[in-house]
Amino acid sequence: MKQGFLDNHCTVFPLNNKILLQCIPFCCGDKDLDDFFNNNSDNFNRQLLGNSYCYRLNENLQIIVCAFTMSNSSIDARHLPGSRKKKLTEHIPFEKRLKNYPAALIGRLGVNNDYNGRGIGTELVTYIKQLIAIPTNTCACRYLTVDAYNNPATIRFYEANGFQTLFSTEKQEKEHIGLLNDEELKTRIMFFDLIKYKIG
């Protein structure tokens, strides 16, 4: 497989206060993401709520090219509409079907503004898929999920990387999480079936 920018020019590190003190403040253009990675990721790590990582530029380790946060999750299939449950489980043998399916959650993901347009987001998502699907992982994980910002560009990005929305409509998703029809749905739950990356 052809190597990309991250493979050729960067090294992955845990994102913690020690690393942050060595780096220029991370800026991906989203205020909430920037604030989390620069100010809150270390506390999240220490509270075992999510582990954050970053890719630093080899030629200048002060530069964080991209960052992401991972945590454990699950998909509860019990209350999904029939068509969506079928979509979720279509590649799982009937006798193996469960009420809940183990998943890993991409809690946050951002690419440095200065490195946009190089395919780094897609390369990073591919790395995460391969990392989680390694057969030697202590815990099995069938799906990769993300609470994607509910805007066309973000939804298209994850769809281009093989993710599907868990609910086919915003109305269904609002009902599932208890939002009223006139309330804003800020994120969409999306999933990717990691069986495609299973090795051995």
N, C-alpha and C. Protein backbone atom coordinates (compact mmCIF):
# COMPACT_ATOMS: atom_id res chain seq x y z
N MET A 1 0.84 -1.19 0.00
CA MET A 1 0.00 0.00 0.00
C MET A 1 0.88 1.25 0.00
N LYS A 2 0.52 2.23 -0.82
CA LYS A 2 1.28 3.46 -0.92
C LYS A 2 1.24 4.23 0.41
N GLN A 3 2.41 4.66 0.86
CA GLN A 3 2.47 5.42 2.10
C GLN A 3 2.09 6.87 1.85
N GLY A 4 1.49 7.48 2.87
CA GLY A 4 1.05 8.85 2.75
C GLY A 4 1.92 9.80 3.55
N PHE A 5 1.43 11.00 3.72
CA PHE A 5 2.18 12.05 4.41
C PHE A 5 2.52 11.66 5.84
N LEU A 6 1.57 11.10 6.56
CA LEU A 6 1.83 10.74 7.96
C LEU A 6 2.92 9.68 8.08
N ASP A 7 2.86 8.67 7.24
CA ASP A 7 3.87 7.61 7.26
C ASP A 7 5.26 8.15 6.92
N ASN A 8 5.32 9.04 5.97
CA ASN A 8 6.61 9.51 5.46
C ASN A 8 7.22 10.66 6.26
N HIS A 9 6.38 11.45 6.92
CA HIS A 9 6.88 12.69 7.52
C HIS A 9 6.58 12.87 9.00
N CYS A 10 5.85 11.94 9.61
CA CYS A 10 5.40 12.15 10.98
C CYS A 10 5.59 10.91 11.85
N THR A 11 5.52 11.14 13.16
CA THR A 11 5.56 10.06 14.14
C THR A 11 4.42 10.27 15.13
N VAL A 12 3.78 9.17 15.52
CA VAL A 12 2.65 9.26 16.45
C VAL A 12 3.15 9.25 17.89
N PHE A 13 2.53 10.10 18.71
CA PHE A 13 2.86 10.21 20.13
C PHE A 13 1.57 10.24 20.95
N PRO A 14 1.62 9.83 22.21
CA PRO A 14 0.48 10.11 23.08
C PRO A 14 0.35 11.62 23.25
N LEU A 15 -0.86 12.13 23.30
CA LEU A 15 -1.07 13.56 23.49
C LEU A 15 -1.34 13.82 24.96
N ASN A 16 -0.36 14.40 25.64
CA ASN A 16 -0.49 14.69 27.06
C ASN A 16 0.18 16.03 27.34
N ASN A 17 0.14 16.48 28.58
CA ASN A 17 0.68 17.80 28.92
C ASN A 17 2.18 17.90 28.63
N LYS A 18 2.91 16.81 28.84
CA LYS A 18 4.35 16.82 28.57
C LYS A 18 4.61 17.11 27.09
N ILE A 19 3.86 16.44 26.22
CA ILE A 19 4.01 16.66 24.77
C ILE A 19 3.55 18.06 24.40
N LEU A 20 2.42 18.48 24.96
CA LEU A 20 1.87 19.80 24.61
C LEU A 20 2.84 20.93 24.95
N LEU A 21 3.58 20.77 26.03
CA LEU A 21 4.55 21.80 26.42
C LEU A 21 5.70 21.91 25.42
N GLN A 22 5.92 20.86 24.66
CA GLN A 22 6.99 20.85 23.66
C GLN A 22 6.52 21.37 22.30
N CYS A 23 5.21 21.61 22.17
CA CYS A 23 4.63 21.89 20.85
C CYS A 23 3.99 23.27 20.76
N ILE A 24 3.87 23.74 19.53
CA ILE A 24 3.08 24.93 19.22
C ILE A 24 1.61 24.56 19.43
N PRO A 25 0.78 25.43 20.02
CA PRO A 25 -0.63 25.09 20.22
C PRO A 25 -1.29 24.59 18.94
N PHE A 26 -2.03 23.50 19.07
CA PHE A 26 -2.69 22.87 17.92
C PHE A 26 -3.86 23.73 17.46
N CYS A 27 -4.00 23.88 16.14
CA CYS A 27 -5.11 24.66 15.59
C CYS A 27 -5.65 23.99 14.33
N CYS A 28 -6.88 23.48 14.46
CA CYS A 28 -7.53 22.85 13.30
C CYS A 28 -8.68 23.72 12.78
N GLY A 29 -8.91 24.87 13.43
CA GLY A 29 -9.95 25.77 12.95
C GLY A 29 -11.29 25.59 13.62
N ASP A 30 -11.43 24.54 14.45
CA ASP A 30 -12.66 24.35 15.21
C ASP A 30 -12.36 24.68 16.67
N LYS A 31 -13.02 25.68 17.20
CA LYS A 31 -12.71 26.19 18.55
C LYS A 31 -12.83 25.11 19.61
N ASP A 32 -13.89 24.30 19.55
CA ASP A 32 -14.09 23.26 20.56
C ASP A 32 -13.01 22.19 20.49
N LEU A 33 -12.66 21.76 19.27
CA LEU A 33 -11.62 20.75 19.12
C LEU A 33 -10.27 21.28 19.59
N ASP A 34 -9.95 22.52 19.19
CA ASP A 34 -8.67 23.11 19.59
C ASP A 34 -8.59 23.21 21.11
N ASP A 35 -9.66 23.65 21.74
CA ASP A 35 -9.67 23.78 23.19
C ASP A 35 -9.49 22.42 23.86
N PHE A 36 -10.15 21.40 23.33
CA PHE A 36 -10.03 20.07 23.92
C PHE A 36 -8.59 19.55 23.82
N PHE A 37 -8.03 19.56 22.61
CA PHE A 37 -6.69 18.99 22.43
C PHE A 37 -5.63 19.77 23.21
N ASN A 38 -5.75 21.09 23.25
CA ASN A 38 -4.74 21.90 23.92
C ASN A 38 -4.90 21.97 25.44
N ASN A 39 -6.13 21.84 25.93
CA ASN A 39 -6.37 22.11 27.36
C ASN A 39 -7.00 20.97 28.15
N ASN A 40 -7.69 20.06 27.48
CA ASN A 40 -8.46 19.06 28.22
C ASN A 40 -8.09 17.61 27.95
N SER A 41 -7.32 17.35 26.92
CA SER A 41 -7.04 15.96 26.54
C SER A 41 -6.30 15.20 27.63
N ASP A 42 -5.35 15.86 28.31
CA ASP A 42 -4.58 15.19 29.35
C ASP A 42 -5.47 14.76 30.51
N ASN A 43 -6.40 15.62 30.91
CA ASN A 43 -7.32 15.28 31.99
C ASN A 43 -8.23 14.12 31.58
N PHE A 44 -8.68 14.12 30.33
CA PHE A 44 -9.49 13.02 29.80
C PHE A 44 -8.71 11.71 29.91
N ASN A 45 -7.43 11.76 29.52
CA ASN A 45 -6.58 10.57 29.60
C ASN A 45 -6.50 10.07 31.04
N ARG A 46 -6.22 10.98 31.97
CA ARG A 46 -6.01 10.58 33.36
C ARG A 46 -7.29 10.05 34.02
N GLN A 47 -8.44 10.50 33.52
CA GLN A 47 -9.71 10.01 34.05
C GLN A 47 -10.20 8.75 33.33
N LEU A 48 -9.37 8.21 32.41
CA LEU A 48 -9.69 6.98 31.66
C LEU A 48 -10.96 7.13 30.83
N LEU A 49 -11.21 8.34 30.34
CA LEU A 49 -12.40 8.60 29.52
C LEU A 49 -12.09 8.55 28.02
N GLY A 50 -10.83 8.66 27.69
CA GLY A 50 -10.43 8.61 26.28
C GLY A 50 -8.94 8.85 26.18
N ASN A 51 -8.29 8.14 25.29
CA ASN A 51 -6.85 8.33 25.07
C ASN A 51 -6.64 9.15 23.80
N SER A 52 -5.86 10.21 23.94
CA SER A 52 -5.59 11.09 22.80
C SER A 52 -4.17 10.87 22.28
N TYR A 53 -4.02 11.04 20.99
CA TYR A 53 -2.74 10.85 20.31
C TYR A 53 -2.56 11.96 19.30
N CYS A 54 -1.30 12.18 18.90
CA CYS A 54 -1.03 13.17 17.87
C CYS A 54 0.09 12.69 16.96
N TYR A 55 0.08 13.17 15.75
CA TYR A 55 1.18 12.98 14.82
C TYR A 55 1.98 14.28 14.80
N ARG A 56 3.28 14.16 15.11
CA ARG A 56 4.17 15.33 15.10
C ARG A 56 5.07 15.26 13.87
N LEU A 57 5.38 16.42 13.33
CA LEU A 57 6.21 16.51 12.13
C LEU A 57 7.65 16.14 12.48
N ASN A 58 8.23 15.18 11.78
CA ASN A 58 9.58 14.71 12.10
C ASN A 58 10.62 15.81 12.00
N GLU A 59 10.48 16.69 11.02
CA GLU A 59 11.50 17.73 10.82
C GLU A 59 11.36 18.88 11.80
N ASN A 60 10.22 18.94 12.48
CA ASN A 60 9.99 19.95 13.52
C ASN A 60 8.96 19.40 14.50
N LEU A 61 9.43 18.76 15.55
CA LEU A 61 8.53 18.09 16.49
C LEU A 61 7.66 19.05 17.29
N GLN A 62 7.85 20.33 17.12
CA GLN A 62 6.96 21.31 17.76
C GLN A 62 5.60 21.38 17.06
N ILE A 63 5.54 20.84 15.86
CA ILE A 63 4.32 20.95 15.06
C ILE A 63 3.49 19.68 15.18
N ILE A 64 2.26 19.82 15.65
CA ILE A 64 1.28 18.73 15.66
C ILE A 64 0.49 18.81 14.35
N VAL A 65 0.61 17.78 13.54
CA VAL A 65 -0.05 17.77 12.23
C VAL A 65 -1.52 17.37 12.37
N CYS A 66 -1.80 16.42 13.25
CA CYS A 66 -3.19 16.01 13.48
C CYS A 66 -3.29 15.35 14.84
N ALA A 67 -4.49 15.26 15.35
CA ALA A 67 -4.72 14.67 16.67
C ALA A 67 -6.06 13.95 16.68
N PHE A 68 -6.15 12.94 17.57
CA PHE A 68 -7.41 12.21 17.67
C PHE A 68 -7.54 11.59 19.06
N THR A 69 -8.78 11.28 19.44
CA THR A 69 -9.08 10.68 20.73
C THR A 69 -9.90 9.42 20.52
N MET A 70 -9.54 8.34 21.25
CA MET A 70 -10.25 7.06 21.14
C MET A 70 -10.76 6.63 22.50
N SER A 71 -11.93 5.98 22.50
CA SER A 71 -12.47 5.38 23.72
C SER A 71 -13.33 4.18 23.35
N ASN A 72 -13.68 3.38 24.35
CA ASN A 72 -14.55 2.23 24.13
C ASN A 72 -15.99 2.69 24.03
N SER A 73 -16.77 1.93 23.27
CA SER A 73 -18.18 2.26 23.10
C SER A 73 -18.93 0.97 22.76
N SER A 74 -20.17 1.11 22.39
CA SER A 74 -20.95 -0.02 21.89
C SER A 74 -22.12 0.52 21.08
N ILE A 75 -22.69 -0.34 20.26
CA ILE A 75 -23.90 0.01 19.52
C ILE A 75 -25.03 -0.86 20.04
N ASP A 76 -26.04 -0.21 20.58
CA ASP A 76 -27.23 -0.90 21.09
C ASP A 76 -28.19 -1.10 19.93
N ALA A 77 -28.36 -2.36 19.52
CA ALA A 77 -29.19 -2.65 18.35
C ALA A 77 -30.66 -2.85 18.69
N ARG A 78 -30.99 -2.87 19.98
CA ARG A 78 -32.35 -3.23 20.39
C ARG A 78 -33.40 -2.24 19.91
N HIS A 79 -33.05 -0.96 19.86
CA HIS A 79 -34.06 0.06 19.57
C HIS A 79 -33.89 0.69 18.19
N LEU A 80 -33.09 0.04 17.35
CA LEU A 80 -32.91 0.56 16.00
C LEU A 80 -34.11 0.20 15.13
N PRO A 81 -34.49 1.09 14.20
CA PRO A 81 -35.51 0.72 13.22
C PRO A 81 -35.07 -0.53 12.46
N GLY A 82 -36.03 -1.34 12.03
CA GLY A 82 -35.73 -2.62 11.38
C GLY A 82 -34.73 -2.54 10.25
N SER A 83 -34.87 -1.53 9.38
CA SER A 83 -33.98 -1.41 8.23
C SER A 83 -32.56 -1.09 8.65
N ARG A 84 -32.41 -0.29 9.70
CA ARG A 84 -31.07 0.07 10.16
C ARG A 84 -30.42 -1.09 10.91
N LYS A 85 -31.22 -1.83 11.68
CA LYS A 85 -30.68 -3.01 12.37
C LYS A 85 -30.19 -4.03 11.34
N LYS A 86 -30.94 -4.19 10.27
CA LYS A 86 -30.55 -5.13 9.21
C LYS A 86 -29.24 -4.67 8.57
N LYS A 87 -29.11 -3.37 8.33
CA LYS A 87 -27.89 -2.82 7.74
C LYS A 87 -26.69 -3.05 8.65
N LEU A 88 -26.91 -2.91 9.94
CA LEU A 88 -25.84 -3.08 10.92
C LEU A 88 -25.37 -4.52 11.00
N THR A 89 -26.30 -5.46 10.91
CA THR A 89 -25.98 -6.86 11.19
C THR A 89 -25.97 -7.75 9.95
N GLU A 90 -26.04 -7.17 8.76
CA GLU A 90 -26.20 -7.99 7.56
C GLU A 90 -25.03 -8.93 7.31
N HIS A 91 -23.84 -8.61 7.84
CA HIS A 91 -22.68 -9.49 7.63
C HIS A 91 -22.34 -10.31 8.86
N ILE A 92 -23.26 -10.35 9.82
CA ILE A 92 -23.06 -11.14 11.03
C ILE A 92 -23.97 -12.36 10.99
N PRO A 93 -23.44 -13.58 11.17
CA PRO A 93 -24.29 -14.78 11.16
C PRO A 93 -25.41 -14.66 12.19
N PHE A 94 -26.59 -15.13 11.82
CA PHE A 94 -27.77 -14.96 12.66
C PHE A 94 -27.55 -15.44 14.08
N GLU A 95 -26.88 -16.61 14.23
CA GLU A 95 -26.71 -17.18 15.56
C GLU A 95 -25.72 -16.39 16.41
N LYS A 96 -25.00 -15.44 15.80
CA LYS A 96 -24.03 -14.63 16.53
C LYS A 96 -24.57 -13.24 16.85
N ARG A 97 -25.80 -12.96 16.50
CA ARG A 97 -26.32 -11.62 16.70
C ARG A 97 -26.59 -11.33 18.17
N LEU A 98 -26.29 -10.10 18.55
CA LEU A 98 -26.35 -9.69 19.95
C LEU A 98 -27.26 -8.48 20.12
N LYS A 99 -27.51 -8.13 21.39
CA LYS A 99 -28.26 -6.91 21.67
C LYS A 99 -27.36 -5.69 21.57
N ASN A 100 -26.11 -5.86 21.98
CA ASN A 100 -25.12 -4.78 21.92
C ASN A 100 -23.87 -5.29 21.22
N TYR A 101 -23.27 -4.42 20.40
CA TYR A 101 -22.08 -4.79 19.66
C TYR A 101 -20.90 -3.93 20.10
N PRO A 102 -19.75 -4.58 20.37
CA PRO A 102 -18.58 -3.82 20.82
C PRO A 102 -18.09 -2.87 19.74
N ALA A 103 -17.72 -1.66 20.17
CA ALA A 103 -17.28 -0.64 19.22
C ALA A 103 -16.19 0.21 19.85
N ALA A 104 -15.43 0.85 19.00
CA ALA A 104 -14.47 1.87 19.42
C ALA A 104 -14.98 3.20 18.89
N LEU A 105 -14.84 4.24 19.68
CA LEU A 105 -15.36 5.56 19.32
C LEU A 105 -14.22 6.52 19.02
N ILE A 106 -14.28 7.14 17.83
CA ILE A 106 -13.41 8.29 17.56
C ILE A 106 -14.10 9.48 18.21
N GLY A 107 -13.61 9.84 19.39
CA GLY A 107 -14.26 10.92 20.12
C GLY A 107 -14.03 12.28 19.48
N ARG A 108 -12.79 12.49 19.03
CA ARG A 108 -12.44 13.75 18.38
C ARG A 108 -11.34 13.48 17.37
N LEU A 109 -11.35 14.28 16.32
CA LEU A 109 -10.33 14.16 15.27
C LEU A 109 -10.15 15.52 14.62
N GLY A 110 -8.91 15.95 14.49
CA GLY A 110 -8.64 17.24 13.86
C GLY A 110 -7.33 17.24 13.11
N VAL A 111 -7.28 18.02 12.04
CA VAL A 111 -6.06 18.17 11.22
C VAL A 111 -5.64 19.64 11.27
N ASN A 112 -4.36 19.86 11.53
CA ASN A 112 -3.79 21.21 11.57
C ASN A 112 -4.16 21.98 10.30
N ASN A 113 -4.65 23.21 10.48
CA ASN A 113 -5.04 24.04 9.34
C ASN A 113 -3.96 24.13 8.27
N ASP A 114 -2.71 24.15 8.68
CA ASP A 114 -1.61 24.32 7.73
C ASP A 114 -1.38 23.08 6.87
N TYR A 115 -2.07 21.98 7.19
CA TYR A 115 -1.84 20.73 6.47
C TYR A 115 -3.12 20.19 5.83
N ASN A 116 -4.10 21.07 5.67
CA ASN A 116 -5.32 20.69 4.96
C ASN A 116 -5.03 20.42 3.49
N GLY A 117 -5.88 19.59 2.89
CA GLY A 117 -5.77 19.33 1.45
C GLY A 117 -4.72 18.32 1.06
N ARG A 118 -4.16 17.59 2.02
CA ARG A 118 -3.14 16.58 1.73
C ARG A 118 -3.64 15.16 1.95
N GLY A 119 -4.92 15.01 2.22
CA GLY A 119 -5.48 13.68 2.46
C GLY A 119 -5.15 13.13 3.83
N ILE A 120 -4.73 13.99 4.75
CA ILE A 120 -4.29 13.53 6.07
C ILE A 120 -5.46 12.98 6.88
N GLY A 121 -6.63 13.58 6.77
CA GLY A 121 -7.79 13.08 7.51
C GLY A 121 -8.12 11.65 7.12
N THR A 122 -8.14 11.37 5.83
CA THR A 122 -8.42 10.02 5.35
C THR A 122 -7.32 9.06 5.77
N GLU A 123 -6.08 9.49 5.68
CA GLU A 123 -4.96 8.64 6.10
C GLU A 123 -5.07 8.31 7.59
N LEU A 124 -5.46 9.29 8.39
CA LEU A 124 -5.59 9.09 9.82
C LEU A 124 -6.72 8.11 10.13
N VAL A 125 -7.86 8.26 9.48
CA VAL A 125 -8.98 7.34 9.70
C VAL A 125 -8.59 5.91 9.30
N THR A 126 -7.85 5.77 8.21
CA THR A 126 -7.39 4.44 7.79
C THR A 126 -6.47 3.83 8.85
N TYR A 127 -5.57 4.65 9.39
CA TYR A 127 -4.67 4.18 10.46
C TYR A 127 -5.48 3.70 11.66
N ILE A 128 -6.50 4.46 12.06
CA ILE A 128 -7.32 4.09 13.21
C ILE A 128 -8.04 2.77 12.95
N LYS A 129 -8.60 2.61 11.76
CA LYS A 129 -9.28 1.35 11.41
C LYS A 129 -8.34 0.16 11.59
N GLN A 130 -7.15 0.29 11.03
CA GLN A 130 -6.18 -0.81 11.09
C GLN A 130 -5.71 -1.06 12.52
N LEU A 131 -5.54 0.00 13.28
CA LEU A 131 -5.09 -0.12 14.67
C LEU A 131 -6.11 -0.89 15.51
N ILE A 132 -7.39 -0.54 15.37
CA ILE A 132 -8.43 -1.15 16.19
C ILE A 132 -8.70 -2.59 15.77
N ALA A 133 -8.54 -2.90 14.49
CA ALA A 133 -8.87 -4.23 13.96
C ALA A 133 -7.76 -5.26 14.13
N ILE A 134 -6.64 -4.89 14.73
CA ILE A 134 -5.54 -5.84 14.92
C ILE A 134 -6.04 -7.03 15.75
N PRO A 135 -5.86 -8.27 15.26
CA PRO A 135 -6.39 -9.45 15.96
C PRO A 135 -5.82 -9.64 17.36
N THR A 136 -4.63 -9.10 17.63
CA THR A 136 -4.00 -9.29 18.94
C THR A 136 -4.52 -8.32 20.00
N ASN A 137 -5.44 -7.44 19.64
CA ASN A 137 -6.01 -6.54 20.64
C ASN A 137 -6.65 -7.33 21.78
N THR A 138 -6.51 -6.86 22.99
CA THR A 138 -7.06 -7.57 24.15
C THR A 138 -8.57 -7.70 24.06
N CYS A 139 -9.25 -6.66 23.62
CA CYS A 139 -10.71 -6.65 23.52
C CYS A 139 -11.14 -6.68 22.05
N ALA A 140 -12.09 -7.54 21.75
CA ALA A 140 -12.65 -7.57 20.40
C ALA A 140 -13.48 -6.32 20.15
N CYS A 141 -13.51 -5.88 18.91
CA CYS A 141 -14.24 -4.66 18.56
C CYS A 141 -14.76 -4.81 17.14
N ARG A 142 -16.06 -4.84 16.95
CA ARG A 142 -16.63 -5.08 15.64
C ARG A 142 -16.78 -3.79 14.83
N TYR A 143 -17.12 -2.68 15.50
CA TYR A 143 -17.42 -1.44 14.78
C TYR A 143 -16.55 -0.28 15.25
N LEU A 144 -16.33 0.62 14.32
CA LEU A 144 -15.72 1.91 14.63
C LEU A 144 -16.82 2.94 14.48
N THR A 145 -17.03 3.77 15.51
CA THR A 145 -18.11 4.75 15.48
C THR A 145 -17.57 6.16 15.65
N VAL A 146 -18.38 7.12 15.28
CA VAL A 146 -18.03 8.52 15.45
C VAL A 146 -19.31 9.32 15.60
N ASP A 147 -19.29 10.30 16.49
CA ASP A 147 -20.37 11.28 16.56
C ASP A 147 -19.95 12.45 15.68
N ALA A 148 -20.28 12.35 14.41
CA ALA A 148 -19.81 13.33 13.43
C ALA A 148 -20.59 14.63 13.52
N TYR A 149 -19.89 15.76 13.44
CA TYR A 149 -20.59 17.03 13.38
C TYR A 149 -21.61 16.99 12.25
N ASN A 150 -22.81 17.46 12.56
CA ASN A 150 -23.91 17.37 11.60
C ASN A 150 -23.87 18.53 10.62
N ASN A 151 -22.86 18.47 9.75
CA ASN A 151 -22.79 19.42 8.64
C ASN A 151 -22.39 18.64 7.39
N PRO A 152 -22.76 19.12 6.20
CA PRO A 152 -22.53 18.34 4.98
C PRO A 152 -21.08 17.93 4.75
N ALA A 153 -20.13 18.83 5.03
CA ALA A 153 -18.73 18.51 4.76
C ALA A 153 -18.24 17.36 5.63
N THR A 154 -18.58 17.39 6.92
CA THR A 154 -18.13 16.33 7.83
C THR A 154 -18.79 15.00 7.50
N ILE A 155 -20.09 15.02 7.23
CA ILE A 155 -20.80 13.79 6.87
C ILE A 155 -20.22 13.19 5.59
N ARG A 156 -19.96 14.04 4.61
CA ARG A 156 -19.37 13.55 3.35
C ARG A 156 -18.00 12.94 3.58
N PHE A 157 -17.19 13.56 4.46
CA PHE A 157 -15.86 13.05 4.75
C PHE A 157 -15.94 11.62 5.28
N TYR A 158 -16.79 11.40 6.28
CA TYR A 158 -16.88 10.06 6.85
C TYR A 158 -17.53 9.07 5.88
N GLU A 159 -18.51 9.51 5.11
CA GLU A 159 -19.09 8.63 4.10
C GLU A 159 -18.04 8.21 3.07
N ALA A 160 -17.18 9.14 2.68
CA ALA A 160 -16.11 8.82 1.73
C ALA A 160 -15.11 7.83 2.31
N ASN A 161 -15.09 7.73 3.64
CA ASN A 161 -14.20 6.78 4.32
C ASN A 161 -14.94 5.53 4.79
N GLY A 162 -16.10 5.27 4.18
CA GLY A 162 -16.80 4.01 4.40
C GLY A 162 -17.78 3.98 5.55
N PHE A 163 -18.00 5.10 6.23
CA PHE A 163 -18.94 5.14 7.35
C PHE A 163 -20.37 5.33 6.83
N GLN A 164 -21.33 4.83 7.62
CA GLN A 164 -22.74 5.03 7.34
C GLN A 164 -23.40 5.65 8.57
N THR A 165 -24.45 6.43 8.35
CA THR A 165 -25.21 6.93 9.48
C THR A 165 -25.98 5.77 10.11
N LEU A 166 -26.01 5.73 11.44
CA LEU A 166 -26.72 4.65 12.12
C LEU A 166 -28.22 4.77 11.90
N PHE A 167 -28.72 6.00 11.84
CA PHE A 167 -30.14 6.25 11.57
C PHE A 167 -30.26 6.88 10.19
N SER A 168 -31.26 6.44 9.44
CA SER A 168 -31.38 6.93 8.06
C SER A 168 -31.88 8.36 7.99
N THR A 169 -32.57 8.83 9.03
CA THR A 169 -33.07 10.21 9.03
C THR A 169 -32.73 10.90 10.35
N GLU A 170 -32.67 12.22 10.30
CA GLU A 170 -32.45 12.99 11.52
C GLU A 170 -33.62 12.83 12.48
N LYS A 171 -34.83 12.69 11.95
CA LYS A 171 -36.02 12.51 12.79
C LYS A 171 -35.89 11.25 13.64
N GLN A 172 -35.44 10.14 13.02
CA GLN A 172 -35.26 8.90 13.78
C GLN A 172 -34.21 9.06 14.87
N GLU A 173 -33.12 9.76 14.53
CA GLU A 173 -32.04 9.93 15.49
C GLU A 173 -32.48 10.83 16.65
N LYS A 174 -33.24 11.88 16.34
CA LYS A 174 -33.75 12.74 17.40
C LYS A 174 -34.65 11.96 18.35
N GLU A 175 -35.51 11.14 17.80
CA GLU A 175 -36.40 10.33 18.63
C GLU A 175 -35.59 9.40 19.53
N HIS A 176 -34.53 8.82 18.97
CA HIS A 176 -33.70 7.87 19.73
C HIS A 176 -33.01 8.52 20.92
N ILE A 177 -32.55 9.76 20.74
CA ILE A 177 -31.82 10.41 21.84
C ILE A 177 -32.70 11.37 22.64
N GLY A 178 -33.98 11.45 22.28
CA GLY A 178 -34.93 12.23 23.07
C GLY A 178 -34.98 13.71 22.77
N LEU A 179 -34.58 14.11 21.55
CA LEU A 179 -34.68 15.51 21.16
C LEU A 179 -36.05 15.79 20.56
N LEU A 180 -36.56 17.00 20.78
CA LEU A 180 -37.79 17.43 20.14
C LEU A 180 -37.52 17.76 18.68
N ASN A 181 -38.56 17.73 17.86
CA ASN A 181 -38.39 17.96 16.42
C ASN A 181 -37.75 19.29 16.09
N ASP A 182 -38.03 20.32 16.92
CA ASP A 182 -37.50 21.64 16.62
C ASP A 182 -36.11 21.88 17.23
N GLU A 183 -35.58 20.89 17.94
CA GLU A 183 -34.25 21.02 18.52
C GLU A 183 -33.18 20.62 17.50
N GLU A 184 -32.03 21.27 17.61
CA GLU A 184 -30.94 21.03 16.66
C GLU A 184 -30.23 19.71 16.98
N LEU A 185 -30.01 18.91 15.94
CA LEU A 185 -29.22 17.69 16.06
C LEU A 185 -27.79 18.05 15.68
N LYS A 186 -26.93 18.17 16.68
CA LYS A 186 -25.58 18.70 16.45
C LYS A 186 -24.62 17.67 15.87
N THR A 187 -24.86 16.39 16.16
CA THR A 187 -23.99 15.34 15.63
C THR A 187 -24.83 14.19 15.09
N ARG A 188 -24.23 13.39 14.21
CA ARG A 188 -24.87 12.18 13.70
C ARG A 188 -24.00 10.99 14.08
N ILE A 189 -24.62 9.93 14.59
CA ILE A 189 -23.90 8.70 14.89
C ILE A 189 -23.62 7.97 13.57
N MET A 190 -22.33 7.67 13.33
CA MET A 190 -21.94 6.96 12.12
C MET A 190 -21.09 5.76 12.50
N PHE A 191 -21.10 4.72 11.66
CA PHE A 191 -20.36 3.51 12.00
C PHE A 191 -19.67 2.92 10.77
N PHE A 192 -18.60 2.18 11.07
CA PHE A 192 -17.85 1.45 10.05
C PHE A 192 -17.65 0.02 10.55
N ASP A 193 -17.90 -0.97 9.70
CA ASP A 193 -17.76 -2.38 10.07
C ASP A 193 -16.31 -2.80 9.92
N LEU A 194 -15.64 -3.07 11.05
CA LEU A 194 -14.22 -3.39 11.05
C LEU A 194 -13.90 -4.79 10.56
N ILE A 195 -14.92 -5.60 10.29
CA ILE A 195 -14.64 -6.93 9.77
C ILE A 195 -13.87 -6.85 8.44
N LYS A 196 -13.99 -5.71 7.77
CA LYS A 196 -13.29 -5.51 6.50
C LYS A 196 -11.79 -5.44 6.70
N TYR A 197 -11.36 -5.14 7.94
CA TYR A 197 -9.94 -5.02 8.23
C TYR A 197 -9.40 -6.20 9.04
N LYS A 198 -10.26 -7.18 9.30
CA LYS A 198 -9.82 -8.33 10.10
C LYS A 198 -8.76 -9.12 9.33
N ILE A 199 -7.70 -9.44 10.02
CA ILE A 199 -6.60 -10.20 9.42
C ILE A 199 -6.49 -11.53 10.15
N GLY A 200 -6.45 -12.63 9.38
CA GLY A 200 -6.27 -13.94 9.99
C GLY A 200 -7.52 -14.48 10.64
